[in-house]
Amino acid sequence: MKNLLHPPTGRSAATKKAAEEATHDQIAYTLRSLAGDTKKYGRTHVPAWLLHRCGLGEVETTLGTYHIGMFGRSLSKFKVKLCK
């Protein structure tokens, strides 16, 4: 099983490029949208570029602090929540 506490390695060049070019506002708005999906559906899919850039755990943005966590044992479903 992969260690998901650190950003994944071995991603495609396009994913790495997208992660490097993402601005802080893009990350903040993406996390806010994913938090809304989690609230509505109970889980969400986090884009690979965002996992590469932020990894799992807490991410501080201009729109607040968000927590990215795994949903059960699934490696493709996640929960994104706004920390209070």
PDB file of N, CA and C in Angstrom:
ATOM      1  N   MET A   1       0.838  -1.179   0.000  1.00  0.00           N
ATOM      2  CA  MET A   1       0.000   0.000   0.000  1.00  0.00           C
ATOM      3  C   MET A   1       0.878   1.236   0.000  1.00  0.00           C
ATOM      4  N   LYS A   2       0.452   2.242  -0.746  1.00  0.00           N
ATOM      5  CA  LYS A   2       1.239   3.466  -0.862  1.00  0.00           C
ATOM      6  C   LYS A   2       1.161   4.286   0.415  1.00  0.00           C
ATOM      7  N   ASN A   3       2.210   5.043   0.688  1.00  0.00           N
ATOM      8  CA  ASN A   3       2.201   5.972   1.803  1.00  0.00           C
ATOM      9  C   ASN A   3       1.524   7.248   1.333  1.00  0.00           C
ATOM     10  N   LEU A   4       0.319   7.515   1.812  1.00  0.00           N
ATOM     11  CA  LEU A   4      -0.446   8.669   1.342  1.00  0.00           C
ATOM     12  C   LEU A   4      -0.279   9.901   2.217  1.00  0.00           C
ATOM     13  N   LEU A   5       0.658   9.871   3.158  1.00  0.00           N
ATOM     14  CA  LEU A   5       0.863  11.040   3.989  1.00  0.00           C
ATOM     15  C   LEU A   5       1.704  12.099   3.284  1.00  0.00           C
ATOM     16  N   HIS A   6       2.353  11.729   2.222  1.00  0.00           N
ATOM     17  CA  HIS A   6       3.172  12.654   1.446  1.00  0.00           C
ATOM     18  C   HIS A   6       2.628  12.720   0.034  1.00  0.00           C
ATOM     19  N   PRO A   7       2.884  13.805  -0.691  1.00  0.00           N
ATOM     20  CA  PRO A   7       2.380  13.879  -2.069  1.00  0.00           C
ATOM     21  C   PRO A   7       2.872  12.698  -2.897  1.00  0.00           C
ATOM     22  N   PRO A   8       2.020  12.176  -3.758  1.00  0.00           N
ATOM     23  CA  PRO A   8       2.408  11.026  -4.566  1.00  0.00           C
ATOM     24  C   PRO A   8       3.564  11.358  -5.509  1.00  0.00           C
ATOM     25  N   THR A   9       4.368  10.381  -5.803  1.00  0.00           N
ATOM     26  CA  THR A   9       5.468  10.563  -6.739  1.00  0.00           C
ATOM     27  C   THR A   9       5.229   9.674  -7.938  1.00  0.00           C
ATOM     28  N   GLY A  10       5.965   9.911  -9.005  1.00  0.00           N
ATOM     29  CA  GLY A  10       5.825   9.091 -10.180  1.00  0.00           C
ATOM     30  C   GLY A  10       4.620   9.447 -11.033  1.00  0.00           C
ATOM     31  N   ARG A  11       4.052  10.623 -10.855  1.00  0.00           N
ATOM     32  CA  ARG A  11       2.914  11.054 -11.664  1.00  0.00           C
ATOM     33  C   ARG A  11       3.389  11.442 -13.056  1.00  0.00           C
ATOM     34  N   SER A  12       2.456  11.591 -13.953  1.00  0.00           N
ATOM     35  CA  SER A  12       2.803  11.960 -15.320  1.00  0.00           C
ATOM     36  C   SER A  12       3.343  13.386 -15.356  1.00  0.00           C
ATOM     37  N   ALA A  13       4.019  13.701 -16.424  1.00  0.00           N
ATOM     38  CA  ALA A  13       4.598  15.038 -16.583  1.00  0.00           C
ATOM     39  C   ALA A  13       3.506  16.107 -16.615  1.00  0.00           C
ATOM     40  N   ALA A  14       2.361  15.792 -17.208  1.00  0.00           N
ATOM     41  CA  ALA A  14       1.265  16.755 -17.273  1.00  0.00           C
ATOM     42  C   ALA A  14       0.717  17.064 -15.885  1.00  0.00           C
ATOM     43  N   THR A  15       0.611  16.061 -15.033  1.00  0.00           N
ATOM     44  CA  THR A  15       0.133  16.269 -13.668  1.00  0.00           C
ATOM     45  C   THR A  15       1.115  17.125 -12.885  1.00  0.00           C
ATOM     46  N   LYS A  16       2.393  16.829 -13.025  1.00  0.00           N
ATOM     47  CA  LYS A  16       3.407  17.623 -12.337  1.00  0.00           C
ATOM     48  C   LYS A  16       3.395  19.062 -12.806  1.00  0.00           C
ATOM     49  N   LYS A  17       3.233  19.267 -14.102  1.00  0.00           N
ATOM     50  CA  LYS A  17       3.204  20.623 -14.649  1.00  0.00           C
ATOM     51  C   LYS A  17       1.982  21.384 -14.144  1.00  0.00           C
ATOM     52  N   ALA A  18       0.820  20.730 -14.137  1.00  0.00           N
ATOM     53  CA  ALA A  18      -0.402  21.368 -13.647  1.00  0.00           C
ATOM     54  C   ALA A  18      -0.276  21.718 -12.175  1.00  0.00           C
ATOM     55  N   ALA A  19       0.345  20.853 -11.396  1.00  0.00           N
ATOM     56  CA  ALA A  19       0.527  21.114  -9.965  1.00  0.00           C
ATOM     57  C   ALA A  19       1.452  22.300  -9.749  1.00  0.00           C
ATOM     58  N   GLU A  20       2.494  22.406 -10.538  1.00  0.00           N
ATOM     59  CA  GLU A  20       3.436  23.505 -10.384  1.00  0.00           C
ATOM     60  C   GLU A  20       2.849  24.836 -10.830  1.00  0.00           C
ATOM     61  N   GLU A  21       1.977  24.818 -11.843  1.00  0.00           N
ATOM     62  CA  GLU A  21       1.424  26.053 -12.389  1.00  0.00           C
ATOM     63  C   GLU A  21       0.171  26.530 -11.664  1.00  0.00           C
ATOM     64  N   ALA A  22      -0.391  25.726 -10.789  1.00  0.00           N
ATOM     65  CA  ALA A  22      -1.616  26.107 -10.084  1.00  0.00           C
ATOM     66  C   ALA A  22      -1.344  27.272  -9.144  1.00  0.00           C
ATOM     67  N   THR A  23      -2.204  28.279  -9.218  1.00  0.00           N
ATOM     68  CA  THR A  23      -2.064  29.433  -8.333  1.00  0.00           C
ATOM     69  C   THR A  23      -2.757  29.137  -7.006  1.00  0.00           C
ATOM     70  N   HIS A  24      -2.484  29.983  -6.022  1.00  0.00           N
ATOM     71  CA  HIS A  24      -3.112  29.806  -4.706  1.00  0.00           C
ATOM     72  C   HIS A  24      -4.631  29.969  -4.800  1.00  0.00           C
ATOM     73  N   ASP A  25      -5.097  30.871  -5.672  1.00  0.00           N
ATOM     74  CA  ASP A  25      -6.541  31.050  -5.839  1.00  0.00           C
ATOM     75  C   ASP A  25      -7.185  29.818  -6.469  1.00  0.00           C
ATOM     76  N   GLN A  26      -6.524  29.205  -7.449  1.00  0.00           N
ATOM     77  CA  GLN A  26      -7.064  27.993  -8.068  1.00  0.00           C
ATOM     78  C   GLN A  26      -7.189  26.869  -7.042  1.00  0.00           C
ATOM     79  N   ILE A  27      -6.188  26.737  -6.197  1.00  0.00           N
ATOM     80  CA  ILE A  27      -6.229  25.708  -5.154  1.00  0.00           C
ATOM     81  C   ILE A  27      -7.365  25.984  -4.182  1.00  0.00           C
ATOM     82  N   ALA A  28      -7.511  27.241  -3.758  1.00  0.00           N
ATOM     83  CA  ALA A  28      -8.550  27.614  -2.794  1.00  0.00           C
ATOM     84  C   ALA A  28      -9.946  27.354  -3.361  1.00  0.00           C
ATOM     85  N   TYR A  29     -10.202  27.770  -4.586  1.00  0.00           N
ATOM     86  CA  TYR A  29     -11.527  27.591  -5.170  1.00  0.00           C
ATOM     87  C   TYR A  29     -11.814  26.113  -5.470  1.00  0.00           C
ATOM     88  N   THR A  30     -10.799  25.363  -5.858  1.00  0.00           N
ATOM     89  CA  THR A  30     -10.986  23.933  -6.086  1.00  0.00           C
ATOM     90  C   THR A  30     -11.336  23.224  -4.783  1.00  0.00           C
ATOM     91  N   LEU A  31     -10.624  23.545  -3.697  1.00  0.00           N
ATOM     92  CA  LEU A  31     -10.913  22.926  -2.403  1.00  0.00           C
ATOM     93  C   LEU A  31     -12.308  23.304  -1.913  1.00  0.00           C
ATOM     94  N   ARG A  32     -12.709  24.558  -2.128  1.00  0.00           N
ATOM     95  CA  ARG A  32     -14.050  24.975  -1.708  1.00  0.00           C
ATOM     96  C   ARG A  32     -15.114  24.188  -2.473  1.00  0.00           C
ATOM     97  N   SER A  33     -14.895  23.989  -3.770  1.00  0.00           N
ATOM     98  CA  SER A  33     -15.832  23.215  -4.579  1.00  0.00           C
ATOM     99  C   SER A  33     -15.886  21.751  -4.134  1.00  0.00           C
ATOM    100  N   LEU A  34     -14.716  21.172  -3.858  1.00  0.00           N
ATOM    101  CA  LEU A  34     -14.667  19.776  -3.403  1.00  0.00           C
ATOM    102  C   LEU A  34     -15.315  19.606  -2.037  1.00  0.00           C
ATOM    103  N   ALA A  35     -15.182  20.616  -1.167  1.00  0.00           N
ATOM    104  CA  ALA A  35     -15.837  20.555   0.142  1.00  0.00           C
ATOM    105  C   ALA A  35     -17.357  20.559  -0.029  1.00  0.00           C
ATOM    106  N   GLY A  36     -17.852  21.310  -0.997  1.00  0.00           N
ATOM    107  CA  GLY A  36     -19.285  21.315  -1.289  1.00  0.00           C
ATOM    108  C   GLY A  36     -19.751  19.968  -1.806  1.00  0.00           C
ATOM    109  N   ASP A  37     -18.944  19.336  -2.670  1.00  0.00           N
ATOM    110  CA  ASP A  37     -19.279  17.994  -3.170  1.00  0.00           C
ATOM    111  C   ASP A  37     -19.299  16.982  -2.036  1.00  0.00           C
ATOM    112  N   THR A  38     -18.330  17.083  -1.113  1.00  0.00           N
ATOM    113  CA  THR A  38     -18.285  16.164   0.019  1.00  0.00           C
ATOM    114  C   THR A  38     -19.520  16.332   0.888  1.00  0.00           C
ATOM    115  N   LYS A  39     -19.928  17.583   1.109  1.00  0.00           N
ATOM    116  CA  LYS A  39     -21.105  17.847   1.932  1.00  0.00           C
ATOM    117  C   LYS A  39     -22.369  17.292   1.268  1.00  0.00           C
ATOM    118  N   LYS A  40     -22.432  17.398  -0.061  1.00  0.00           N
ATOM    119  CA  LYS A  40     -23.611  16.953  -0.792  1.00  0.00           C
ATOM    120  C   LYS A  40     -23.659  15.440  -0.971  1.00  0.00           C
ATOM    121  N   TYR A  41     -22.529  14.836  -1.347  1.00  0.00           N
ATOM    122  CA  TYR A  41     -22.505  13.418  -1.698  1.00  0.00           C
ATOM    123  C   TYR A  41     -21.831  12.516  -0.657  1.00  0.00           C
ATOM    124  N   GLY A  42     -21.145  13.085   0.324  1.00  0.00           N
ATOM    125  CA  GLY A  42     -20.479  12.295   1.355  1.00  0.00           C
ATOM    126  C   GLY A  42     -19.043  11.962   1.027  1.00  0.00           C
ATOM    127  N   ARG A  43     -18.651  12.130  -0.231  1.00  0.00           N
ATOM    128  CA  ARG A  43     -17.270  11.878  -0.655  1.00  0.00           C
ATOM    129  C   ARG A  43     -17.060  12.584  -1.987  1.00  0.00           C
ATOM    130  N   THR A  44     -15.833  12.646  -2.433  1.00  0.00           N
ATOM    131  CA  THR A  44     -15.527  13.317  -3.694  1.00  0.00           C
ATOM    132  C   THR A  44     -14.272  12.724  -4.314  1.00  0.00           C
ATOM    133  N   HIS A  45     -13.989  13.107  -5.540  1.00  0.00           N
ATOM    134  CA  HIS A  45     -12.758  12.716  -6.220  1.00  0.00           C
ATOM    135  C   HIS A  45     -11.848  13.928  -6.257  1.00  0.00           C
ATOM    136  N   VAL A  46     -10.648  13.818  -5.739  1.00  0.00           N
ATOM    137  CA  VAL A  46      -9.687  14.918  -5.723  1.00  0.00           C
ATOM    138  C   VAL A  46      -8.791  14.787  -6.958  1.00  0.00           C
ATOM    139  N   PRO A  47      -8.649  15.867  -7.750  1.00  0.00           N
ATOM    140  CA  PRO A  47      -7.788  15.797  -8.935  1.00  0.00           C
ATOM    141  C   PRO A  47      -6.351  15.428  -8.581  1.00  0.00           C
ATOM    142  N   ALA A  48      -5.693  14.728  -9.486  1.00  0.00           N
ATOM    143  CA  ALA A  48      -4.318  14.276  -9.241  1.00  0.00           C
ATOM    144  C   ALA A  48      -3.364  15.437  -9.018  1.00  0.00           C
ATOM    145  N   TRP A  49      -3.552  16.530  -9.748  1.00  0.00           N
ATOM    146  CA  TRP A  49      -2.639  17.667  -9.592  1.00  0.00           C
ATOM    147  C   TRP A  49      -2.752  18.268  -8.195  1.00  0.00           C
ATOM    148  N   LEU A  50      -3.968  18.249  -7.622  1.00  0.00           N
ATOM    149  CA  LEU A  50      -4.150  18.805  -6.280  1.00  0.00           C
ATOM    150  C   LEU A  50      -3.507  17.906  -5.229  1.00  0.00           C
ATOM    151  N   LEU A  51      -3.629  16.587  -5.391  1.00  0.00           N
ATOM    152  CA  LEU A  51      -2.958  15.669  -4.467  1.00  0.00           C
ATOM    153  C   LEU A  51      -1.442  15.802  -4.568  1.00  0.00           C
ATOM    154  N   HIS A  52      -0.957  15.990  -5.783  1.00  0.00           N
ATOM    155  CA  HIS A  52       0.494  16.154  -5.971  1.00  0.00           C
ATOM    156  C   HIS A  52       0.982  17.423  -5.292  1.00  0.00           C
ATOM    157  N   ARG A  53       0.201  18.474  -5.372  1.00  0.00           N
ATOM    158  CA  ARG A  53       0.605  19.767  -4.810  1.00  0.00           C
ATOM    159  C   ARG A  53       0.446  19.824  -3.296  1.00  0.00           C
ATOM    160  N   CYS A  54      -0.673  19.307  -2.780  1.00  0.00           N
ATOM    161  CA  CYS A  54      -1.005  19.485  -1.364  1.00  0.00           C
ATOM    162  C   CYS A  54      -0.838  18.219  -0.519  1.00  0.00           C
ATOM    163  N   GLY A  55      -1.000  17.048  -1.106  1.00  0.00           N
ATOM    164  CA  GLY A  55      -0.961  15.818  -0.320  1.00  0.00           C
ATOM    165  C   GLY A  55      -2.201  15.698   0.545  1.00  0.00           C
ATOM    166  N   LEU A  56      -2.156  14.821   1.527  1.00  0.00           N
ATOM    167  CA  LEU A  56      -3.270  14.662   2.460  1.00  0.00           C
ATOM    168  C   LEU A  56      -3.017  15.499   3.699  1.00  0.00           C
ATOM    169  N   GLY A  57      -4.075  15.833   4.397  1.00  0.00           N
ATOM    170  CA  GLY A  57      -3.947  16.614   5.620  1.00  0.00           C
ATOM    171  C   GLY A  57      -4.505  18.010   5.434  1.00  0.00           C
ATOM    172  N   GLU A  58      -4.070  18.927   6.293  1.00  0.00           N
ATOM    173  CA  GLU A  58      -4.596  20.282   6.268  1.00  0.00           C
ATOM    174  C   GLU A  58      -3.866  21.144   5.249  1.00  0.00           C
ATOM    175  N   VAL A  59      -4.663  21.974   4.557  1.00  0.00           N
ATOM    176  CA  VAL A  59      -4.137  22.894   3.552  1.00  0.00           C
ATOM    177  C   VAL A  59      -4.684  24.277   3.870  1.00  0.00           C
ATOM    178  N   GLU A  60      -3.798  25.238   4.096  1.00  0.00           N
ATOM    179  CA  GLU A  60      -4.225  26.605   4.375  1.00  0.00           C
ATOM    180  C   GLU A  60      -4.361  27.364   3.070  1.00  0.00           C
ATOM    181  N   THR A  61      -5.526  28.017   2.877  1.00  0.00           N
ATOM    182  CA  THR A  61      -5.778  28.816   1.682  1.00  0.00           C
ATOM    183  C   THR A  61      -6.319  30.171   2.099  1.00  0.00           C
ATOM    184  N   THR A  62      -6.536  31.027   1.108  1.00  0.00           N
ATOM    185  CA  THR A  62      -7.103  32.341   1.383  1.00  0.00           C
ATOM    186  C   THR A  62      -8.571  32.251   1.774  1.00  0.00           C
ATOM    187  N   LEU A  63      -9.221  31.144   1.471  1.00  0.00           N
ATOM    188  CA  LEU A  63     -10.632  30.952   1.801  1.00  0.00           C
ATOM    189  C   LEU A  63     -10.830  30.111   3.056  1.00  0.00           C
ATOM    190  N   GLY A  64      -9.774  29.842   3.789  1.00  0.00           N
ATOM    191  CA  GLY A  64      -9.859  29.045   5.005  1.00  0.00           C
ATOM    192  C   GLY A  64      -8.930  27.847   4.950  1.00  0.00           C
ATOM    193  N   THR A  65      -8.961  27.069   6.008  1.00  0.00           N
ATOM    194  CA  THR A  65      -8.138  25.874   6.094  1.00  0.00           C
ATOM    195  C   THR A  65      -9.004  24.657   5.797  1.00  0.00           C
ATOM    196  N   TYR A  66      -8.565  23.836   4.858  1.00  0.00           N
ATOM    197  CA  TYR A  66      -9.305  22.647   4.463  1.00  0.00           C
ATOM    198  C   TYR A  66      -8.516  21.404   4.852  1.00  0.00           C
ATOM    199  N   HIS A  67      -9.242  20.323   5.094  1.00  0.00           N
ATOM    200  CA  HIS A  67      -8.618  19.044   5.424  1.00  0.00           C
ATOM    201  C   HIS A  67      -8.981  18.039   4.337  1.00  0.00           C
ATOM    202  N   ILE A  68      -7.956  17.428   3.739  1.00  0.00           N
ATOM    203  CA  ILE A  68      -8.160  16.385   2.728  1.00  0.00           C
ATOM    204  C   ILE A  68      -7.876  15.045   3.394  1.00  0.00           C
ATOM    205  N   GLY A  69      -8.857  14.158   3.396  1.00  0.00           N
ATOM    206  CA  GLY A  69      -8.693  12.846   4.014  1.00  0.00           C
ATOM    207  C   GLY A  69      -9.270  11.755   3.140  1.00  0.00           C
ATOM    208  N   MET A  70      -8.863  10.538   3.413  1.00  0.00           N
ATOM    209  CA  MET A  70      -9.356   9.389   2.660  1.00  0.00           C
ATOM    210  C   MET A  70     -10.750   9.016   3.125  1.00  0.00           C
ATOM    211  N   PHE A  71     -11.554   8.477   2.214  1.00  0.00           N
ATOM    212  CA  PHE A  71     -12.882   7.993   2.517  1.00  0.00           C
ATOM    213  C   PHE A  71     -12.799   6.487   2.669  1.00  0.00           C
ATOM    214  N   GLY A  72     -12.804   6.002   3.886  1.00  0.00           N
ATOM    215  CA  GLY A  72     -12.662   4.571   4.126  1.00  0.00           C
ATOM    216  C   GLY A  72     -11.307   4.078   3.690  1.00  0.00           C
ATOM    217  N   ARG A  73     -11.278   2.948   2.998  1.00  0.00           N
ATOM    218  CA  ARG A  73     -10.019   2.382   2.524  1.00  0.00           C
ATOM    219  C   ARG A  73      -9.809   2.615   1.033  1.00  0.00           C
ATOM    220  N   SER A  74     -10.719   3.363   0.420  1.00  0.00           N
ATOM    221  CA  SER A  74     -10.633   3.604  -1.016  1.00  0.00           C
ATOM    222  C   SER A  74      -9.502   4.568  -1.328  1.00  0.00           C
ATOM    223  N   LEU A  75      -8.713   4.244  -2.346  1.00  0.00           N
ATOM    224  CA  LEU A  75      -7.611   5.114  -2.747  1.00  0.00           C
ATOM    225  C   LEU A  75      -8.036   6.132  -3.794  1.00  0.00           C
ATOM    226  N   SER A  76      -9.318   6.133  -4.183  1.00  0.00           N
ATOM    227  CA  SER A  76      -9.778   7.077  -5.183  1.00  0.00           C
ATOM    228  C   SER A  76     -10.869   8.007  -4.683  1.00  0.00           C
ATOM    229  N   LYS A  77     -11.370   7.801  -3.495  1.00  0.00           N
ATOM    230  CA  LYS A  77     -12.424   8.640  -2.936  1.00  0.00           C
ATOM    231  C   LYS A  77     -11.894   9.348  -1.691  1.00  0.00           C
ATOM    232  N   PHE A  78     -12.235  10.619  -1.565  1.00  0.00           N
ATOM    233  CA  PHE A  78     -11.722  11.426  -0.479  1.00  0.00           C
ATOM    234  C   PHE A  78     -12.813  12.270   0.136  1.00  0.00           C
ATOM    235  N   LYS A  79     -12.543  12.817   1.302  1.00  0.00           N
ATOM    236  CA  LYS A  79     -13.403  13.798   1.950  1.00  0.00           C
ATOM    237  C   LYS A  79     -12.611  15.083   2.077  1.00  0.00           C
ATOM    238  N   VAL A  80     -13.235  16.194   1.719  1.00  0.00           N
ATOM    239  CA  VAL A  80     -12.610  17.505   1.860  1.00  0.00           C
ATOM    240  C   VAL A  80     -13.535  18.334   2.741  1.00  0.00           C
ATOM    241  N   LYS A  81     -13.018  18.813   3.874  1.00  0.00           N
ATOM    242  CA  LYS A  81     -13.839  19.560   4.817  1.00  0.00           C
ATOM    243  C   LYS A  81     -13.156  20.874   5.166  1.00  0.00           C
ATOM    244  N   LEU A  82     -13.973  21.890   5.417  1.00  0.00           N
ATOM    245  CA  LEU A  82     -13.484  23.162   5.909  1.00  0.00           C
ATOM    246  C   LEU A  82     -13.264  23.039   7.404  1.00  0.00           C
ATOM    247  N   CYS A  83     -12.061  23.336   7.875  1.00  0.00           N
ATOM    248  CA  CYS A  83     -11.759  23.261   9.311  1.00  0.00           C
ATOM    249  C   CYS A  83     -12.313  24.501   9.997  1.00  0.00           C
ATOM    250  N   LYS A  84     -12.854  24.314  11.164  1.00  0.00           N
ATOM    251  CA  LYS A  84     -13.408  25.445  11.930  1.00  0.00           C
ATOM    252  C   LYS A  84     -12.343  26.077  12.793  1.00  0.00           C
TER     253      LYS A  84
END
